[in-house]
Protein backbone atom coordinates (compact mmCIF):
# COMPACT_ATOMS: atom_id res chain seq x y z
CA MET A 1 60.22 113.92 133.49
CA THR A 2 63.20 112.30 131.67
CA THR A 3 66.85 113.02 132.56
CA THR A 4 69.48 112.83 129.86
CA GLN A 5 72.84 111.39 131.09
CA HIS A 6 76.11 112.36 129.21
CA PRO A 7 77.93 109.51 128.04
CA THR A 8 81.09 110.25 130.18
CA GLN A 9 79.12 110.91 133.25
CA PRO A 10 77.33 107.72 134.40
CA PRO A 11 74.74 107.68 137.09
CA THR A 12 76.15 107.85 140.65
CA PRO A 13 74.95 104.77 142.44
CA PRO A 14 73.82 104.77 146.03
CA THR A 15 76.29 104.90 148.81
CA GLY A 16 77.51 101.29 149.16
CA GLN A 17 76.37 100.12 145.74
CA SER A 18 78.72 98.99 143.15
CA THR A 19 79.14 100.86 139.83
CA GLY A 20 78.72 97.39 138.26
CA THR A 21 82.64 97.19 137.36
CA GLY A 22 83.45 95.83 140.67
CA THR A 23 84.88 99.09 141.80
CA ASP A 24 82.89 101.51 144.23
CA THR A 25 82.88 105.23 143.32
CA ASP A 26 84.90 106.15 146.59
CA ASP A 27 87.56 103.44 145.69
CA ARG A 28 87.79 104.77 142.28
CA HIS A 29 88.77 108.26 143.30
CA ALA A 30 90.93 107.06 146.11
CA GLY A 31 92.95 104.50 144.09
CA ARG A 32 95.32 104.93 141.26
CA PRO A 33 93.31 104.03 138.01
CA TRP A 34 96.04 105.24 135.64
CA LEU A 35 98.55 102.67 137.11
CA VAL A 36 96.00 100.04 136.43
CA VAL A 37 95.86 101.16 132.64
CA ALA A 38 99.71 101.51 132.45
CA VAL A 39 100.16 97.91 133.79
CA ARG A 40 97.72 96.63 131.16
CA GLU A 41 99.67 98.65 128.29
CA ILE A 42 102.97 97.13 129.38
CA VAL A 43 101.53 93.65 129.67
CA VAL A 44 99.85 93.85 126.28
CA ARG A 45 103.11 95.36 124.58
CA VAL A 46 105.56 92.81 126.16
CA THR A 47 103.46 90.01 125.24
CA ASN A 48 102.94 90.93 121.70
CA ARG A 49 105.02 88.54 119.33
CA THR A 50 105.52 91.31 116.82
CA PHE A 51 107.08 93.54 119.48
CA LEU A 52 109.26 90.85 121.07
CA PHE A 53 110.49 89.65 117.58
CA SER A 54 111.39 93.42 116.56
CA THR A 55 113.12 93.81 119.71
CA LEU A 56 115.10 90.45 119.46
CA PHE A 57 116.00 91.28 115.87
CA THR A 58 117.24 94.74 116.70
CA LEU A 59 119.44 93.24 119.50
CA VAL A 60 120.76 90.45 117.21
CA PHE A 61 121.50 93.12 114.44
CA ILE A 62 123.51 95.22 117.10
CA ALA A 63 125.25 92.02 118.50
CA GLY A 64 126.13 91.00 115.01
CA PHE A 65 127.72 94.32 114.27
CA ALA A 66 129.92 94.18 117.25
CA ALA A 67 130.92 90.71 116.26
CA PHE A 68 131.79 91.69 112.91
CA SER A 69 133.59 94.87 114.07
CA ALA A 70 135.74 92.76 116.59
CA TRP A 71 136.54 90.25 113.73
CA GLN A 72 137.48 93.02 111.31
CA ALA A 73 139.72 94.63 113.98
CA GLY A 74 141.39 91.41 115.00
CA LYS A 75 141.98 90.43 111.26
CA THR A 76 145.37 90.59 109.84
CA SER A 77 145.90 91.52 106.35
CA THR A 78 148.93 90.02 104.58
CA TYR A 79 150.49 91.33 101.47
CA THR A 80 153.20 89.83 99.20
CA VAL A 81 154.90 92.17 96.78
CA ALA A 82 156.88 91.04 93.95
CA VAL A 83 160.25 92.74 93.28
CA SER A 84 163.01 92.37 90.65
CA THR A 85 165.84 94.29 92.36
CA SER A 86 167.27 94.78 95.73
CA GLU A 87 166.45 98.27 95.79
CA GLY A 88 162.87 97.25 95.40
CA SER A 89 163.12 94.71 98.13
CA ARG A 90 164.74 97.30 100.46
CA LEU A 91 161.67 99.75 99.78
CA VAL A 92 159.09 96.89 100.56
CA ASP A 93 160.93 96.24 103.80
CA GLN A 94 160.78 100.10 104.70
CA ALA A 95 157.02 99.98 103.95
CA ALA A 96 156.57 96.83 105.89
CA THR A 97 158.36 98.43 108.93
CA ALA A 98 156.02 101.70 108.60
CA ALA A 99 153.05 99.71 108.37
CA ARG A 100 153.70 97.72 111.52
CA ALA A 101 154.52 100.83 113.36
CA ASP A 102 151.06 102.11 112.30
CA SER A 103 149.09 98.88 112.86
CA ASP A 104 150.07 95.28 114.01
CA LYS A 105 147.33 94.08 111.82
CA VAL A 106 149.21 94.71 108.29
CA VAL A 107 151.99 92.58 107.17
CA ILE A 108 153.96 93.16 104.05
CA THR A 109 156.50 90.99 102.56
CA PRO A 110 158.78 91.00 99.34
CA SER A 111 159.04 88.10 96.88
CA THR A 112 161.68 88.17 94.14
CA VAL A 113 160.79 87.51 90.58
CA ALA A 114 162.87 87.43 87.40
CA GLY A 115 160.93 90.04 85.63
CA GLU A 116 157.75 91.41 84.12
CA ASP A 117 156.50 88.02 82.72
CA ALA A 118 157.41 86.16 85.98
CA ALA A 119 155.55 89.02 87.99
CA ARG A 120 152.41 88.70 85.84
CA ALA A 121 152.23 85.05 86.20
CA ALA A 122 152.77 85.26 90.13
CA VAL A 123 149.98 87.95 90.35
CA GLU A 124 147.50 85.80 88.14
CA ALA A 125 148.35 82.79 90.12
CA GLY A 126 147.49 84.81 93.40
CA ASP A 127 151.07 84.11 94.67
CA VAL A 128 151.72 88.04 95.04
CA ASP A 129 149.47 90.85 95.32
CA ALA A 130 151.41 93.31 93.11
CA TRP A 131 154.66 93.92 91.43
CA LEU A 132 156.79 96.86 92.57
CA HIS A 133 159.13 97.97 89.65
CA GLN A 134 161.12 101.10 88.57
CA THR A 135 160.31 103.11 85.54
CA ALA A 136 161.55 106.12 83.86
CA SER A 137 159.69 108.50 85.96
CA GLY A 138 160.05 106.72 89.57
CA TRP A 139 158.18 103.66 90.87
CA ALA A 140 155.12 101.75 89.87
CA LEU A 141 152.94 99.45 91.67
CA THR A 142 151.16 97.00 88.94
CA SER A 143 148.46 94.49 90.06
CA GLY A 144 145.60 92.73 88.65
CA ASP A 145 142.85 94.69 90.27
CA ASP A 146 142.85 97.83 92.62
CA VAL A 147 145.58 98.02 95.10
CA SER A 148 144.32 98.23 98.80
CA LEU A 149 145.33 101.52 100.70
CA SER A 150 146.83 99.38 103.32
CA LEU A 151 149.48 98.36 100.71
CA GLN A 152 149.71 101.30 98.73
CA THR A 153 149.93 104.02 101.49
CA PRO A 154 153.13 102.51 103.14
CA LEU A 155 154.73 101.94 99.81
CA GLU A 156 154.16 105.55 98.70
CA GLY A 157 155.79 106.62 101.76
CA ALA A 158 158.71 104.50 101.38
CA VAL A 159 159.33 105.51 97.88
CA ARG A 160 158.94 109.34 98.75
CA ASP A 161 161.52 108.80 101.70
CA ALA A 162 163.95 107.15 99.49
CA ALA A 163 163.73 110.03 96.76
CA LEU A 164 163.97 112.63 99.47
CA ASP A 165 167.20 110.99 100.77
CA ARG A 166 168.68 110.76 97.17
CA ASN A 167 167.74 114.33 96.25
CA ALA A 168 168.72 115.83 99.41
CA ALA A 169 172.17 114.16 99.01
CA THR A 170 172.67 115.38 95.45
CA ALA A 171 171.74 119.03 96.66
CA GLY A 172 174.28 118.72 99.64
CA THR A 173 171.75 118.84 102.24
CA THR A 174 169.79 116.49 104.44
CA VAL A 175 166.06 115.50 104.54
CA GLU A 176 165.29 116.89 108.06
CA ALA A 177 166.64 120.32 106.73
CA LEU A 178 164.24 120.02 103.69
CA GLU A 179 161.32 119.07 105.80
CA ARG A 180 161.99 121.75 108.64
CA GLY A 181 158.64 123.80 109.36
CA ALA A 182 156.64 121.51 107.11
CA THR A 183 154.54 119.81 109.66
CA LEU A 184 151.10 120.76 109.99
CA THR A 185 149.41 119.96 113.63
CA THR A 186 145.58 120.55 114.44
CA ASP A 187 144.02 121.56 117.51
CA ARG A 188 141.06 123.46 118.93
CA PHE A 189 140.52 126.59 121.10
CA ASP A 190 138.63 124.28 123.78
CA GLY A 191 141.38 121.68 123.85
CA GLN A 192 139.00 118.97 122.76
CA THR A 193 139.71 116.47 120.19
CA THR A 194 137.10 114.84 117.99
CA ASN A 195 136.69 112.04 115.49
CA ARG A 196 134.11 113.37 112.84
CA GLY A 197 133.39 109.94 111.41
CA PHE A 198 132.48 108.80 115.01
CA VAL A 199 130.33 111.79 115.96
CA GLN A 200 128.40 111.37 112.50
CA ALA A 201 127.82 107.54 113.20
CA ALA A 202 126.86 108.06 116.91
CA THR A 203 124.42 110.94 115.81
CA PHE A 204 122.95 108.61 113.12
CA ALA A 205 122.40 106.02 115.93
CA PHE A 206 120.56 108.37 118.25
CA ALA A 207 118.42 109.75 115.36
CA LEU A 208 117.37 106.17 114.21
CA LEU A 209 116.64 105.09 117.81
CA PHE A 210 114.57 108.08 118.46
CA PHE A 211 112.72 107.98 115.18
CA MET A 212 111.96 104.18 115.42
CA GLY A 213 111.07 104.27 119.12
CA ALA A 214 108.93 107.47 118.83
CA LEU A 215 107.21 106.30 115.63
CA MET A 216 106.46 102.52 116.67
CA PHE A 217 105.07 103.24 120.06
CA GLY A 218 103.20 106.40 118.99
CA GLN A 219 101.44 104.85 116.15
CA GLN A 220 100.47 102.00 118.76
CA ILE A 221 99.04 104.43 121.23
CA ALA A 222 96.93 105.97 118.38
CA ALA A 223 95.83 102.89 117.10
CA SER A 224 94.82 101.60 120.67
CA VAL A 225 92.74 104.81 121.21
CA VAL A 226 90.91 104.57 117.91
CA GLU A 227 90.32 100.83 118.42
CA GLU A 228 88.54 101.41 121.78
CA LYS A 229 86.69 104.35 120.47
CA GLN A 230 85.47 102.59 117.26
CA SER A 231 84.31 99.54 119.22
CA ARG A 232 82.71 101.72 121.75
CA LEU A 233 84.72 100.09 124.57
CA VAL A 234 85.84 103.55 125.85
CA GLU A 235 82.44 104.30 126.95
CA ILE A 236 82.56 101.42 129.19
CA ILE A 237 85.74 102.18 130.48
CA ALA A 238 84.64 105.85 131.07
CA THR A 239 82.15 104.43 133.66
CA ALA A 240 84.97 102.95 135.76
CA ILE A 241 87.88 105.67 135.47
CA PRO A 242 88.14 109.42 134.45
CA LEU A 243 89.26 109.84 130.79
CA ARG A 244 92.39 111.78 131.90
CA ALA A 245 93.49 108.54 134.02
CA LEU A 246 92.96 106.57 131.01
CA LEU A 247 95.11 108.99 129.08
CA ALA A 248 97.87 108.94 131.59
CA GLY A 249 98.02 105.39 131.74
CA LYS A 250 98.34 104.92 128.13
CA VAL A 251 101.11 107.39 128.20
CA VAL A 252 103.08 106.31 131.14
CA GLY A 253 102.70 102.49 130.16
CA ASN A 254 104.05 102.99 126.69
CA ALA A 255 106.70 105.67 127.82
CA LEU A 256 108.26 103.06 130.23
CA ILE A 257 108.28 100.46 127.51
CA ALA A 258 109.96 102.81 124.78
CA LEU A 259 112.36 103.82 127.46
CA GLY A 260 113.19 100.31 128.48
CA GLN A 261 113.83 99.44 124.82
CA VAL A 262 116.08 102.40 124.22
CA VAL A 263 118.08 101.72 127.34
CA LEU A 264 118.53 98.12 126.29
CA PHE A 265 119.47 99.20 122.72
CA SER A 266 121.90 101.74 124.13
CA GLY A 267 123.48 99.34 126.65
CA VAL A 268 124.10 96.68 123.80
CA GLY A 269 125.27 99.50 121.42
CA LEU A 270 127.91 100.62 124.12
CA ILE A 271 129.14 97.05 124.58
CA ALA A 272 129.37 96.81 120.88
CA VAL A 273 131.54 100.00 120.46
CA SER A 274 133.89 98.53 122.95
CA PHE A 275 134.84 95.94 120.38
CA THR A 276 135.50 98.51 117.73
CA GLU A 277 138.40 100.84 117.02
CA TRP A 278 136.30 103.67 118.71
CA SER A 279 136.56 101.94 122.07
CA SER A 280 138.88 104.82 123.24
CA LEU A 281 136.00 107.21 122.95
CA LEU A 282 133.31 105.07 125.06
CA PRO A 283 133.62 107.63 127.93
CA THR A 284 132.48 110.41 125.88
CA LEU A 285 129.80 108.20 124.26
CA SER A 286 128.47 107.12 127.40
CA THR A 287 127.95 110.47 128.62
CA ALA A 288 126.13 111.41 125.38
CA VAL A 289 123.96 108.23 125.60
CA ILE A 290 122.82 109.20 129.30
CA TRP A 291 121.70 112.54 127.97
CA PHE A 292 120.05 110.94 125.21
CA VAL A 293 118.00 108.66 127.29
CA LEU A 294 117.13 111.58 129.58
CA PHE A 295 115.86 113.58 126.52
CA PHE A 296 113.97 110.93 125.06
CA ALA A 297 112.24 110.03 128.25
CA VAL A 298 110.99 113.78 128.72
CA GLY A 299 110.31 114.39 125.09
CA PHE A 300 108.35 111.15 124.53
CA PHE A 301 105.78 112.00 127.04
CA ALA A 302 104.86 114.97 124.68
CA LEU A 303 104.78 112.79 121.66
CA ALA A 304 102.84 110.00 123.34
CA CYS A 305 100.31 112.32 124.39
CA LEU A 306 99.92 113.76 120.93
CA PHE A 307 99.64 110.39 119.30
CA ALA A 308 96.85 109.71 121.85
CA VAL A 309 95.18 112.87 120.84
CA ALA A 310 95.45 111.69 117.15
CA GLY A 311 93.77 108.51 117.96
CA ALA A 312 91.00 110.43 119.87
CA LEU A 313 90.42 112.83 116.87
CA ALA A 314 89.90 109.72 114.60
CA SER A 315 86.71 107.87 114.40
CA ARG A 316 87.94 104.96 112.44
CA THR A 317 91.30 103.21 112.00
CA GLU A 318 91.43 104.58 108.44
CA ASP A 319 91.39 108.25 109.83
CA LEU A 320 94.67 107.64 111.61
CA GLN A 321 96.88 108.37 108.41
CA SER A 322 95.47 111.87 108.32
CA THR A 323 95.39 112.56 112.09
CA THR A 324 99.04 111.30 112.81
CA SER A 325 100.66 113.05 109.78
CA PRO A 326 101.63 116.03 111.61
CA MET A 327 103.65 114.00 114.16
CA THR A 328 105.06 111.81 111.70
CA THR A 329 106.23 114.83 109.74
CA VAL A 330 107.82 116.21 112.89
CA LEU A 331 109.64 113.02 113.59
CA MET A 332 110.92 112.84 109.94
CA LEU A 333 112.29 116.41 110.15
CA VAL A 334 114.08 115.74 113.44
CA TYR A 335 115.76 112.66 111.74
CA PHE A 336 116.89 114.52 108.65
CA ALA A 337 117.85 117.67 110.66
CA SER A 338 120.32 115.51 112.39
CA PHE A 339 122.37 115.31 109.12
CA ALA A 340 121.49 118.45 107.51
CA LEU A 341 122.28 121.14 110.36
CA SER A 342 125.66 122.25 111.32
CA GLY A 343 127.37 125.22 113.01
CA VAL A 344 125.09 127.91 114.44
CA ALA A 345 121.99 126.20 113.09
CA LEU A 346 122.83 122.82 115.02
CA LYS A 347 123.59 124.73 118.07
CA ILE A 348 120.22 126.55 117.81
CA ALA A 349 118.51 123.30 117.14
CA SER A 350 119.96 121.60 120.01
CA PHE A 351 117.73 124.09 122.29
CA VAL A 352 114.56 123.43 120.40
CA PRO A 353 112.33 120.86 121.88
CA ILE A 354 112.05 117.45 120.15
CA VAL A 355 115.04 118.36 117.91
CA SER A 356 117.16 118.74 120.86
CA VAL A 357 116.63 114.83 121.67
CA VAL A 358 119.21 114.10 118.82
CA ALA A 359 120.98 117.30 118.29
CA MET A 360 122.14 118.00 121.91
CA PRO A 361 123.74 114.51 122.37
CA GLY A 362 125.63 114.85 119.07
CA ARG A 363 126.88 118.09 120.20
CA ILE A 364 128.02 116.42 123.38
CA ILE A 365 129.94 113.90 121.42
CA ALA A 366 131.65 116.55 119.28
CA GLY A 367 132.76 118.38 122.50
CA ASP A 368 130.74 121.59 121.17
CA ALA A 369 128.37 121.87 124.18
CA ALA A 370 129.27 123.62 127.62
CA TRP A 371 128.19 121.79 130.65
CA TRP A 372 125.05 123.95 131.15
CA GLU A 373 123.80 123.87 127.74
CA PRO A 374 122.17 120.08 128.01
CA VAL A 375 120.76 121.27 131.37
CA VAL A 376 119.18 124.12 130.00
CA ALA A 377 117.85 122.34 126.85
CA LEU A 378 116.38 119.46 129.12
CA LEU A 379 114.42 122.12 130.98
CA LEU A 380 113.24 123.59 127.82
CA MET A 381 112.07 120.16 126.72
CA ALA A 382 110.48 119.53 130.13
CA ALA A 383 108.56 122.78 129.88
CA PHE A 384 107.27 121.94 126.39
CA SER A 385 106.31 118.44 127.33
CA ALA A 386 104.26 119.76 130.25
CA GLY A 387 102.44 122.32 128.14
CA THR A 388 102.03 119.73 125.46
CA VAL A 389 100.32 117.38 128.06
CA VAL A 390 97.99 119.94 129.55
CA LEU A 391 96.84 120.99 126.05
CA GLY A 392 96.61 117.40 124.88
CA GLU A 393 94.74 116.15 127.79
CA LYS A 394 92.08 118.68 127.25
CA VAL A 395 91.73 117.95 123.50
CA TYR A 396 91.74 114.14 124.21
CA ARG A 397 88.83 114.28 126.66
CA ARG A 398 86.84 116.49 124.47
CA SER A 399 87.21 114.49 121.42
CA LEU A 400 87.26 110.80 122.64
CA MET A 401 83.50 110.43 123.28
CA GLN A 402 82.73 112.20 119.92
CA THR A 403 81.61 109.82 117.15
CA ARG A 404 80.24 111.89 114.45
CA GLY A 405 83.33 111.66 112.31
CA ARG A 406 86.92 112.86 112.20
CA LEU A 407 87.68 115.95 114.26
CA SER A 408 90.25 118.69 113.83
CA TRP A 409 92.04 120.36 116.87
CA LYS A 410 89.92 123.43 116.24
CA GLN A 411 86.74 121.50 116.44
CA ALA A 412 87.80 119.37 119.56
CA MET A 413 88.76 122.62 121.47
CA ARG A 414 85.17 124.10 120.63
CA THR A 415 83.56 120.88 121.95
CA ALA A 416 82.25 121.24 125.67
CA ASP A 417 83.81 118.95 128.39
């Protein structure tokens, strides 16, 4: 009588006899085979030249941005304004005082010229940036190109103040009396202050980090699984370790590398922010970064498992585009949702697993999230990841040894263990 052996259940050798892999059956169950797989995944990734180059390139880009921002912040802008009258010179001096009070990186100086022809020649020669002169309706600032806002804004303020003083005196009153009650202040019920541009920039950085990390490492996991399946190497591996240990090792190994890369990029990014005009917001950003890392770590386990399943459902490398498309679509939706959602929709999305990886840290930076909200969102993410891993492990185990072609989730669930 001939006994048929299932490919995932190799014959059990007699007691004391090796399986041929150098590991006894008892040792296989008593040890930690998933740890061996995880270490192998880490070693393969960190020694890959493409991975090292992309990581180094990203770090250089972030460091370059920091250096450029520091250079921009420390650069002094000097403007010379041509004037033809003493009143014009006085207005330029007032504008220079106002600009210096707003920023010590803007210097404005007057330069006296005889008239329009001399002013035009000075502008064309590059000796002055613009010519401030009086017209029938007020004052005009003429230049050879667009005037920088750093120069235009303080000059507009000086001209306005001078006109108010003159008109107030004519009306027999004062500027203070005319401007009484004309000040508008902004605040919030929760007492928080936000910088919308900073919030948008930080949210974009979170979305980009999440999208790049999840997609790159997810595709690597799927490719690794299908390569082992296509070459039939997985059948040999299955004789040494359980398939769930193989899945756990791949997920854990790649999750650790992805998390390490995110932490590295985030740390360098925080250093970069310290050299920008947003350095005062660093404490708030640091808190949001910590939450982002936590959400990424928990959420990536679910995504890594799903990408491993996508690799197991495929029989050839060419099938990966089809089997990974649902995860890729989800990642794209999360990426674009970080810009499209606002208000109540954004608040709801910050509790939805996977989307919350980006949405909740963005709300933390904006000061819109209570202390308990990220905790609840993280617990929901953990529950989702746990359920995904349990379901994914079952589909992975049932589809990995099937070589009859690309499988669907439904077909894999119907396949016997």
